[in-house]
Amino acid sequence: MTAIPSDPEPFPPFEVERQEHVYRSPWCALRRDQVVLPSGKLQEYHVFEISPAAVVVPECADGRLVLVGQYRYPHGKTQWELPAGRLGAGEDPALGAERELLEETGYRAGSLHALPGFYPTGGISAHYAHAFWAKDCVWQQPTQHEDAEQIFVRLFSRGEIEALLDAGRLADAFTALPLLYWLRRRDREQG
């Protein structure tokens, strides 16, 4: 087994000269920062603030995965996605993942296992997504969607998931990246 390479040596953080919020809502905020670069020059950074999220790769005992077809207003498309959502203030990521799974799909996990998390938009935000693999999922109850959510549930075989990934049809990063982590982890566990 190959050793995991170390992280890069960290650069010192930029000195912050000034911060101001341009916009705030219950869902997100936009902050304008004035930072001092190592050269001494001032640089303006716009930082999008959004709370952490959880995303779940739900696998049933028969190996099929549970995905949702979800309409996304910003780009106007309905696409296949993994169940995901933002965490409440102080909410444990695993509990948030279980909540989102149940609300969006009606399925409950037999067990939940952490996958690597990620920064979906690291260049403009510190927003972090906690990812999980939910094993042995079983249908529990009808879905509970918010008013703005348009969602339906479908089961996919591993082959169908791989075909969608290979064709570039899973354009949502919250879906594609955790599925790729899941495929690697599942293959290692199955030998």
Protein backbone atom coordinates (compact mmCIF):
# COMPACT_ATOMS: atom_id res chain seq x y z
CA MET A 1 0.00 0.00 0.00
CA THR A 2 1.33 3.42 -0.96
CA ALA A 3 1.99 5.87 1.87
CA ILE A 4 -0.23 8.93 1.92
CA PRO A 5 1.79 12.00 0.84
CA SER A 6 1.92 14.82 3.36
CA ASP A 7 -0.03 18.02 2.92
CA PRO A 8 1.82 20.99 1.41
CA GLU A 9 3.66 23.30 3.78
CA PRO A 10 1.16 25.99 4.79
CA PHE A 11 1.61 29.58 3.73
CA PRO A 12 1.07 32.19 6.45
CA PRO A 13 -2.49 33.55 6.31
CA PHE A 14 -3.06 37.00 4.87
CA GLU A 15 -3.39 39.82 7.38
CA VAL A 16 -6.94 41.17 7.35
CA GLU A 17 -7.11 44.95 7.29
CA ARG A 18 -10.89 45.28 7.10
CA GLN A 19 -14.01 43.14 6.82
CA GLU A 20 -17.56 44.18 6.03
CA HIS A 21 -20.73 42.31 5.18
CA VAL A 22 -22.26 43.35 1.88
CA TYR A 23 -25.27 41.05 2.26
CA ARG A 24 -26.74 38.74 4.92
CA SER A 25 -29.73 36.41 4.96
CA PRO A 26 -30.70 33.31 6.96
CA TRP A 27 -29.18 31.17 4.15
CA CYS A 28 -25.95 32.93 3.19
CA ALA A 29 -23.84 36.07 3.43
CA LEU A 30 -21.37 37.92 1.25
CA ARG A 31 -18.37 39.46 2.96
CA ARG A 32 -15.87 41.90 1.47
CA ASP A 33 -12.40 41.61 3.00
CA GLN A 34 -9.40 43.87 2.49
CA VAL A 35 -6.24 41.81 3.02
CA VAL A 36 -2.55 42.60 3.00
CA LEU A 37 -0.60 40.41 0.56
CA PRO A 38 2.97 39.28 1.33
CA SER A 39 4.17 42.01 -1.07
CA GLY A 40 2.44 44.62 1.11
CA LYS A 41 -0.21 45.39 -1.53
CA LEU A 42 -3.86 45.47 -0.56
CA GLN A 43 -6.22 42.97 -2.18
CA GLU A 44 -9.99 42.83 -2.01
CA TYR A 45 -11.52 39.37 -1.47
CA HIS A 46 -15.20 38.56 -1.70
CA VAL A 47 -16.08 35.63 0.56
CA PHE A 48 -19.36 33.74 0.31
CA GLU A 49 -20.45 32.54 3.77
CA ILE A 50 -22.64 29.46 4.01
CA SER A 51 -23.07 26.95 6.84
CA PRO A 52 -21.55 23.46 6.63
CA ALA A 53 -23.49 20.71 4.89
CA ALA A 54 -23.83 16.94 4.89
CA VAL A 55 -24.19 14.65 1.87
CA VAL A 56 -25.08 10.94 1.95
CA VAL A 57 -24.37 8.02 -0.40
CA PRO A 58 -27.34 5.79 0.53
CA GLU A 59 -26.85 2.11 -0.33
CA CYS A 60 -29.56 -0.51 0.18
CA ALA A 61 -28.73 -4.07 1.26
CA ASP A 62 -29.11 -5.24 -2.38
CA GLY A 63 -26.41 -2.76 -3.50
CA ARG A 64 -28.72 -0.26 -5.19
CA LEU A 65 -28.21 3.44 -4.43
CA VAL A 66 -30.93 5.93 -3.58
CA LEU A 67 -30.75 9.20 -5.54
CA VAL A 68 -33.17 12.06 -5.91
CA GLY A 69 -34.23 13.88 -9.04
CA GLN A 70 -34.19 17.48 -7.90
CA TYR A 71 -35.05 20.78 -9.59
CA ARG A 72 -32.43 23.50 -9.04
CA TYR A 73 -33.66 27.04 -9.55
CA PRO A 74 -30.26 28.74 -10.14
CA HIS A 75 -29.61 26.82 -13.39
CA GLY A 76 -33.20 25.73 -14.05
CA LYS A 77 -32.49 22.03 -14.45
CA THR A 78 -33.66 18.84 -12.79
CA GLN A 79 -30.73 16.54 -12.10
CA TRP A 80 -29.83 13.36 -10.23
CA GLU A 81 -28.33 14.10 -6.83
CA LEU A 82 -27.43 12.45 -3.58
CA PRO A 83 -29.49 13.57 -0.57
CA ALA A 84 -27.75 16.55 1.00
CA GLY A 85 -28.43 19.68 2.96
CA ARG A 86 -27.10 22.25 5.34
CA LEU A 87 -26.46 21.56 8.97
CA GLY A 88 -28.16 23.52 11.69
CA ALA A 89 -26.02 25.59 14.07
CA GLY A 90 -24.03 23.13 16.19
CA GLU A 91 -25.70 20.10 14.56
CA ASP A 92 -23.58 16.95 14.50
CA PRO A 93 -22.74 16.19 10.83
CA ALA A 94 -23.73 12.50 11.13
CA LEU A 95 -27.10 13.40 12.65
CA GLY A 96 -27.63 16.02 9.94
CA ALA A 97 -26.81 13.42 7.28
CA GLU A 98 -29.35 10.98 8.75
CA ARG A 99 -31.96 13.77 8.92
CA GLU A 100 -31.42 14.80 5.29
CA LEU A 101 -31.53 11.17 4.12
CA LEU A 102 -34.87 10.59 5.84
CA GLU A 103 -36.42 13.92 4.80
CA GLU A 104 -35.42 13.76 1.14
CA THR A 105 -35.75 10.03 0.43
CA GLY A 106 -37.79 8.45 3.23
CA TYR A 107 -34.93 5.97 3.78
CA ARG A 108 -33.09 5.28 7.05
CA ALA A 109 -29.51 4.00 7.25
CA GLY A 110 -28.64 0.73 8.94
CA SER A 111 -25.21 2.23 9.67
CA LEU A 112 -23.41 5.42 8.72
CA HIS A 113 -19.72 5.68 7.81
CA ALA A 114 -17.70 8.82 7.16
CA LEU A 115 -16.28 9.44 3.70
CA PRO A 116 -13.77 12.24 2.99
CA GLY A 117 -15.38 15.66 3.17
CA PHE A 118 -14.62 18.52 0.80
CA TYR A 119 -14.75 22.26 0.10
CA PRO A 120 -17.07 22.58 -2.93
CA THR A 121 -16.11 26.20 -3.66
CA GLY A 122 -12.76 26.67 -1.90
CA GLY A 123 -11.78 29.72 -3.94
CA ILE A 124 -14.66 31.84 -2.65
CA SER A 125 -15.94 30.14 0.50
CA ALA A 126 -14.96 28.15 3.59
CA HIS A 127 -18.20 26.15 3.09
CA TYR A 128 -17.48 22.51 3.97
CA ALA A 129 -19.40 19.35 3.08
CA HIS A 130 -19.27 16.31 5.37
CA ALA A 131 -19.79 13.13 3.34
CA PHE A 132 -21.14 9.79 4.54
CA TRP A 133 -21.86 6.30 3.25
CA ALA A 134 -25.18 5.02 4.58
CA LYS A 135 -25.19 1.21 4.45
CA ASP A 136 -28.21 -1.09 4.50
CA CYS A 137 -30.75 1.65 3.89
CA VAL A 138 -34.41 0.72 4.22
CA TRP A 139 -37.49 2.72 3.31
CA GLN A 140 -39.02 4.14 6.48
CA GLN A 141 -41.59 6.83 5.70
CA PRO A 142 -42.89 9.22 3.03
CA THR A 143 -40.54 12.08 2.19
CA GLN A 144 -40.76 15.46 3.93
CA HIS A 145 -39.80 18.21 1.51
CA GLU A 146 -39.59 21.93 2.11
CA ASP A 147 -41.91 24.13 0.04
CA ALA A 148 -39.18 25.06 -2.46
CA GLU A 149 -37.99 21.47 -2.94
CA GLN A 150 -39.19 19.54 -5.98
CA ILE A 151 -37.84 16.02 -5.47
CA PHE A 152 -38.57 12.45 -6.48
CA VAL A 153 -36.71 9.30 -5.44
CA ARG A 154 -35.21 6.55 -7.62
CA LEU A 155 -33.01 3.51 -7.01
CA PHE A 156 -29.95 2.94 -9.24
CA SER A 157 -27.66 -0.04 -9.72
CA ARG A 158 -23.92 0.42 -9.36
CA GLY A 159 -23.59 -0.03 -13.14
CA GLU A 160 -26.09 2.78 -13.76
CA ILE A 161 -24.20 5.07 -11.36
CA GLU A 162 -20.90 4.31 -13.12
CA ALA A 163 -22.52 4.95 -16.52
CA LEU A 164 -23.86 8.32 -15.33
CA LEU A 165 -20.44 9.27 -13.92
CA ASP A 166 -18.59 8.15 -17.07
CA ALA A 167 -21.00 10.13 -19.28
CA GLY A 168 -20.56 13.28 -17.17
CA ARG A 169 -24.27 13.28 -16.38
CA LEU A 170 -23.77 13.82 -12.63
CA ALA A 171 -22.71 17.47 -12.86
CA ASP A 172 -23.48 18.24 -9.21
CA ALA A 173 -20.20 18.18 -7.24
CA PHE A 174 -22.06 17.18 -4.06
CA THR A 175 -23.05 14.04 -5.97
CA ALA A 176 -20.11 13.16 -8.20
CA LEU A 177 -17.29 13.50 -5.68
CA PRO A 178 -18.87 11.46 -2.83
CA LEU A 179 -19.88 8.77 -5.34
CA LEU A 180 -16.28 8.51 -6.53
CA TYR A 181 -15.07 8.23 -2.92
CA TRP A 182 -17.76 5.61 -2.31
CA LEU A 183 -16.74 3.55 -5.35
CA ARG A 184 -13.11 3.43 -4.21
CA ARG A 185 -13.99 2.66 -0.58
CA ARG A 186 -16.53 -0.01 -1.53
CA ASP A 187 -14.08 -1.71 -3.90
CA ARG A 188 -11.38 -1.78 -1.20
CA GLU A 189 -13.81 -3.22 1.37
CA GLN A 190 -14.96 -5.94 -1.01
CA GLY A 191 -11.37 -6.90 -1.79
